[in-house]
Amino acid sequence: MPSQLNRIIVSVRNLHESLAFYAELLHLELVETRPGFATLAAGGDVQLGLHERDSEPSDRAVALSFAVDDLDRVCSGWESADGSVVDRPADQPWGERMAMVRDPDGHLVCLVQQHA
């Protein structure tokens, strides 16, 4: 059987702030929380783990990507919460509408919406 992606773990400095971004803004379902760690459902069988510990973002590392229903609404909500939008929502030649934001720790997060 081939390997399957089942969990992505992101190091975060403040679990509460990161939950506000991933759970509230992106509407990911909180599965479990315990001191210093939270698990969210990220679609299919994949989980997103938020691990409270030192975090050093890098634009050269891995970037998470999430499909959203209303890209403009999500980006506006993030800006209203003083979040950083790196690349504004824009139509891409490969058929998606895409934006790039930073989570509370500065990690790059790609948000995509399929064209209707």
Protein backbone atom coordinates (compact mmCIF):
# COMPACT_ATOMS: atom_id res chain seq x y z
CA MET A 1 0.00 0.00 0.00
CA PRO A 2 1.41 3.44 -0.88
CA SER A 3 1.98 5.99 1.86
CA GLN A 4 -0.79 8.53 2.44
CA LEU A 5 -0.72 11.99 3.92
CA ASN A 6 -2.72 11.86 7.14
CA ARG A 7 -1.54 14.82 9.22
CA ILE A 8 0.28 18.12 8.81
CA ILE A 9 1.72 19.66 11.96
CA VAL A 10 2.43 23.39 12.15
CA SER A 11 4.50 24.90 14.94
CA VAL A 12 2.72 27.91 16.45
CA ARG A 13 3.75 30.34 19.18
CA ASN A 14 0.20 31.00 20.40
CA LEU A 15 -2.31 28.18 20.08
CA HIS A 16 -5.33 30.44 20.73
CA GLU A 17 -4.40 32.88 17.92
CA SER A 18 -3.70 30.07 15.49
CA LEU A 19 -7.01 28.37 16.27
CA ALA A 20 -8.77 31.66 15.49
CA PHE A 21 -7.14 31.64 12.05
CA TYR A 22 -7.46 27.99 11.10
CA ALA A 23 -10.72 27.05 12.85
CA GLU A 24 -12.71 30.25 12.75
CA LEU A 25 -11.55 31.97 9.57
CA LEU A 26 -11.09 28.85 7.44
CA HIS A 27 -13.97 26.98 9.15
CA LEU A 28 -11.90 23.89 9.94
CA GLU A 29 -13.57 21.65 12.49
CA LEU A 30 -11.82 21.32 15.85
CA VAL A 31 -11.37 17.59 16.50
CA GLU A 32 -9.35 17.63 19.72
CA THR A 33 -7.49 20.02 21.95
CA ARG A 34 -5.11 19.41 24.81
CA PRO A 35 -2.46 21.59 26.44
CA GLY A 36 -0.18 22.89 23.72
CA PHE A 37 -1.80 20.99 20.84
CA ALA A 38 -4.96 21.08 18.76
CA THR A 39 -6.15 18.85 15.93
CA LEU A 40 -8.46 20.10 13.19
CA ALA A 41 -10.16 18.26 10.34
CA ALA A 42 -8.56 19.54 7.13
CA GLY A 43 -10.63 17.66 4.54
CA GLY A 44 -10.92 14.00 3.73
CA ASP A 45 -8.86 11.97 6.17
CA VAL A 46 -6.20 14.68 6.58
CA GLN A 47 -5.76 16.43 9.91
CA LEU A 48 -4.02 19.68 10.73
CA GLY A 49 -2.11 19.68 14.00
CA LEU A 50 -1.21 22.95 15.70
CA HIS A 51 1.69 22.41 18.10
CA GLU A 52 2.46 25.27 20.48
CA ARG A 53 6.25 25.69 20.50
CA ASP A 54 8.92 27.93 19.04
CA SER A 55 8.19 28.75 15.44
CA GLU A 56 10.38 30.16 12.67
CA PRO A 57 8.50 30.86 9.45
CA SER A 58 10.30 30.69 6.13
CA ASP A 59 9.17 31.67 2.66
CA ARG A 60 11.40 28.87 1.37
CA ALA A 61 9.74 26.11 3.35
CA VAL A 62 6.45 24.33 2.86
CA ALA A 63 3.31 26.43 2.36
CA LEU A 64 -0.10 25.06 3.29
CA SER A 65 -2.87 25.40 0.72
CA PHE A 66 -6.60 25.38 1.45
CA ALA A 67 -9.57 25.41 -0.92
CA VAL A 68 -12.18 27.96 0.18
CA ASP A 69 -15.68 28.75 -1.10
CA ASP A 70 -15.38 32.55 -0.99
CA LEU A 71 -11.79 33.71 -1.35
CA ASP A 72 -12.56 37.42 -1.18
CA ARG A 73 -14.58 37.00 2.05
CA VAL A 74 -11.83 34.96 3.69
CA CYS A 75 -9.15 37.50 2.75
CA SER A 76 -11.32 40.41 3.92
CA GLY A 77 -11.95 38.65 7.22
CA TRP A 78 -8.25 38.04 7.67
CA GLU A 79 -7.41 41.69 6.95
CA SER A 80 -10.12 42.81 9.38
CA ALA A 81 -8.34 40.76 12.05
CA ASP A 82 -5.06 42.57 11.22
CA GLY A 83 -3.74 39.60 9.27
CA SER A 84 -1.27 39.95 6.44
CA VAL A 85 -2.38 39.33 2.85
CA VAL A 86 0.77 38.85 0.78
CA ASP A 87 -0.86 38.37 -2.63
CA ARG A 88 -4.39 39.71 -3.12
CA PRO A 89 -7.04 37.41 -4.66
CA ALA A 90 -6.45 37.09 -8.39
CA ASP A 91 -7.49 34.81 -11.21
CA GLN A 92 -4.72 32.45 -12.28
CA PRO A 93 -4.17 31.05 -15.80
CA TRP A 94 -4.50 27.47 -14.55
CA GLY A 95 -8.15 28.06 -13.56
CA GLU A 96 -8.10 29.00 -9.89
CA ARG A 97 -8.60 32.24 -8.04
CA MET A 98 -5.73 32.41 -5.55
CA ALA A 99 -4.37 34.53 -2.69
CA MET A 100 -1.43 34.15 -0.33
CA VAL A 101 -1.71 35.13 3.34
CA ARG A 102 0.37 34.71 6.47
CA ASP A 103 -0.94 32.91 9.53
CA PRO A 104 -0.37 34.45 12.99
CA ASP A 105 3.16 32.99 13.07
CA GLY A 106 4.09 34.30 9.64
CA HIS A 107 3.78 30.97 7.81
CA LEU A 108 2.63 31.31 4.21
CA VAL A 109 -0.83 29.91 3.52
CA CYS A 110 -2.19 29.66 -0.01
CA LEU A 111 -5.94 30.05 -0.39
CA VAL A 112 -7.62 28.91 -3.61
CA GLN A 113 -11.12 29.03 -5.01
CA GLN A 114 -12.13 27.14 -8.11
CA HIS A 115 -13.81 29.17 -10.85
CA ALA A 116 -17.54 28.51 -11.08
